[in-house]
Amino acid sequence: MRAPMTFLLMAFVFSTQAFASAFDSLNDQKLQEQALTLLEQNADTMLIDGDVRPDEKLTDILAKVQAYNDEILTRLAEGQNLEDMTSSVSHTDTKCSVQKSGRTAVCNLLITYRPLGETNIRFTVDLDDAGNAVGISNTADVTRGD
């Protein structure tokens, strides 16, 4: 009798952890989406620091990401292959880490280019009590790699 009870308890613990992990992933995805939206909406007024090219603006960098996303949506809508895309961007990924205070999150938008190279945009968003991104810092830090 003891073995089946242990098995049931372990199954419950694992299913609870899997549910919590899936819930966390949805929350993370929501925060990343909100943060990227705030970055796009405020890009024209934000200062950029770091590895910035002369006369480069944050809107210039984000325009490449938008063109990449538009090409993906168009190709999917038309049933085309995504492997032969024309965009210079090959991949984008946004990750946010909520700080200990729970009031801010540091986010990174990583843009990977074809055939080689990447740009990372690091920025901070303000969070409300529910953990939603509601504001953004006025500075973004740009780093590049080959």
Protein backbone atom coordinates (compact mmCIF):
# COMPACT_ATOMS: atom_id res chain seq x y z
CA MET A 1 0.00 0.00 0.00
CA ARG A 2 2.89 2.33 0.74
CA ALA A 3 4.40 2.08 -2.78
CA PRO A 4 1.20 3.11 -4.66
CA MET A 5 0.72 6.09 -2.30
CA THR A 6 4.31 7.22 -2.88
CA PHE A 7 3.82 6.85 -6.61
CA LEU A 8 0.62 8.94 -6.52
CA LEU A 9 2.32 11.61 -4.43
CA MET A 10 5.29 11.76 -6.81
CA ALA A 11 2.97 11.96 -9.83
CA PHE A 12 1.10 14.84 -8.19
CA VAL A 13 4.34 16.71 -7.42
CA PHE A 14 5.64 16.28 -10.98
CA SER A 15 2.36 17.34 -12.57
CA THR A 16 2.21 20.40 -10.29
CA GLN A 17 5.77 21.33 -11.23
CA ALA A 18 5.01 20.88 -14.92
CA PHE A 19 1.92 23.09 -14.61
CA ALA A 20 3.87 25.74 -12.68
CA SER A 21 6.65 25.62 -15.28
CA ALA A 22 4.18 26.05 -18.14
CA PHE A 23 2.50 28.92 -16.27
CA ASP A 24 5.90 30.58 -15.71
CA SER A 25 6.72 30.18 -19.39
CA LEU A 26 3.47 31.89 -20.38
CA ASN A 27 4.18 34.72 -17.94
CA ASP A 28 7.73 35.05 -19.30
CA GLN A 29 6.44 35.10 -22.86
CA LYS A 30 3.87 37.75 -21.97
CA LEU A 31 6.49 39.95 -20.29
CA GLN A 32 8.87 39.60 -23.24
CA GLU A 33 6.09 40.55 -25.65
CA GLN A 34 5.13 43.58 -23.56
CA ALA A 35 8.77 44.67 -23.22
CA LEU A 36 9.40 44.42 -26.96
CA THR A 37 6.24 46.39 -27.68
CA LEU A 38 7.37 49.14 -25.28
CA LEU A 39 10.80 49.18 -26.94
CA GLU A 40 9.24 49.56 -30.39
CA GLN A 41 6.80 52.25 -29.22
CA ASN A 42 9.50 54.34 -27.51
CA ALA A 43 12.49 53.71 -29.81
CA ASP A 44 12.37 57.13 -31.43
CA THR A 45 12.80 58.92 -28.07
CA MET A 46 15.29 56.56 -26.44
CA LEU A 47 19.02 57.16 -26.24
CA ILE A 48 21.33 54.38 -27.32
CA ASP A 49 24.72 53.76 -25.79
CA GLY A 50 27.52 51.29 -26.39
CA ASP A 51 28.60 49.90 -29.77
CA VAL A 52 26.64 52.37 -31.86
CA ARG A 53 27.56 53.29 -35.43
CA PRO A 54 27.71 56.97 -36.48
CA ASP A 55 24.22 58.43 -37.00
CA GLU A 56 22.59 55.08 -36.11
CA LYS A 57 19.24 55.16 -34.35
CA LEU A 58 17.40 52.52 -32.40
CA THR A 59 14.56 52.77 -34.90
CA ASP A 60 17.02 51.76 -37.67
CA ILE A 61 17.93 48.57 -35.84
CA LEU A 62 14.33 47.73 -34.96
CA ALA A 63 13.21 48.35 -38.56
CA LYS A 64 15.31 45.33 -39.60
CA VAL A 65 13.59 43.22 -36.95
CA GLN A 66 10.16 44.42 -38.12
CA ALA A 67 11.02 43.64 -41.75
CA TYR A 68 12.13 40.14 -40.67
CA ASN A 69 8.87 39.56 -38.76
CA ASP A 70 6.81 40.88 -41.70
CA GLU A 71 8.61 38.54 -44.10
CA ILE A 72 7.91 35.55 -41.84
CA LEU A 73 4.20 36.39 -41.60
CA THR A 74 3.91 36.94 -45.36
CA ARG A 75 5.67 33.68 -46.17
CA LEU A 76 3.53 31.74 -43.68
CA ALA A 77 0.34 33.29 -45.08
CA GLU A 78 1.39 32.35 -48.61
CA GLY A 79 2.57 28.86 -47.63
CA GLN A 80 6.16 29.60 -48.63
CA ASN A 81 9.34 28.09 -47.23
CA LEU A 82 11.04 29.99 -44.41
CA GLU A 83 14.49 28.61 -45.23
CA ASP A 84 15.17 30.89 -48.18
CA MET A 85 14.21 34.22 -46.63
CA THR A 86 15.81 37.38 -48.00
CA SER A 87 16.07 39.27 -44.69
CA SER A 88 19.55 39.95 -43.32
CA VAL A 89 18.15 38.91 -39.92
CA SER A 90 18.18 35.17 -39.31
CA HIS A 91 16.76 35.04 -35.79
CA THR A 92 15.55 37.24 -32.94
CA ASP A 93 15.04 36.41 -29.29
CA THR A 94 13.87 38.51 -26.35
CA LYS A 95 14.60 37.48 -22.76
CA CYS A 96 13.69 39.40 -19.61
CA SER A 97 14.90 38.84 -16.06
CA VAL A 98 12.78 40.23 -13.26
CA GLN A 99 14.96 41.92 -10.65
CA LYS A 100 14.76 41.03 -6.94
CA SER A 101 12.59 44.06 -6.16
CA GLY A 102 9.95 42.78 -8.59
CA ARG A 103 9.48 46.34 -9.86
CA THR A 104 11.78 46.16 -12.90
CA ALA A 105 13.05 43.67 -15.44
CA VAL A 106 16.22 43.80 -17.51
CA CYS A 107 15.54 42.67 -21.06
CA ASN A 108 17.76 41.69 -23.96
CA LEU A 109 16.72 41.64 -27.59
CA LEU A 110 19.26 39.49 -29.44
CA ILE A 111 19.28 39.91 -33.21
CA THR A 112 21.28 37.34 -35.20
CA TYR A 113 22.27 38.20 -38.78
CA ARG A 114 23.10 36.18 -41.88
CA PRO A 115 25.70 34.97 -42.54
CA LEU A 116 27.41 36.19 -39.39
CA GLY A 117 26.99 38.73 -36.63
CA GLU A 118 24.66 39.72 -33.86
CA THR A 119 23.38 42.79 -32.08
CA ASN A 120 22.08 42.82 -28.52
CA ILE A 121 19.86 45.60 -27.21
CA ARG A 122 19.67 45.71 -23.42
CA PHE A 123 16.93 47.79 -21.79
CA THR A 124 14.96 48.01 -18.55
CA VAL A 125 11.20 47.96 -18.14
CA ASP A 126 9.10 48.97 -15.15
CA LEU A 127 6.60 46.43 -13.82
CA ASP A 128 3.25 46.87 -12.14
CA ASP A 129 2.09 44.77 -9.18
CA ALA A 130 0.90 42.03 -11.54
CA GLY A 131 4.30 41.81 -13.25
CA ASN A 132 3.22 43.53 -16.47
CA ALA A 133 5.64 45.82 -18.29
CA VAL A 134 4.18 49.32 -17.99
CA GLY A 135 7.13 51.63 -18.62
CA ILE A 136 10.60 51.64 -20.13
CA SER A 137 13.90 53.33 -19.35
CA ASN A 138 14.99 56.08 -21.72
CA THR A 139 18.32 54.39 -22.55
CA ALA A 140 19.20 51.18 -24.34
CA ASP A 141 22.66 49.65 -24.45
CA VAL A 142 23.81 48.16 -27.76
CA THR A 143 26.52 45.50 -28.05
CA ARG A 144 27.68 43.71 -31.18
CA GLY A 145 29.54 40.52 -31.98
CA ASP A 146 30.79 38.67 -35.06
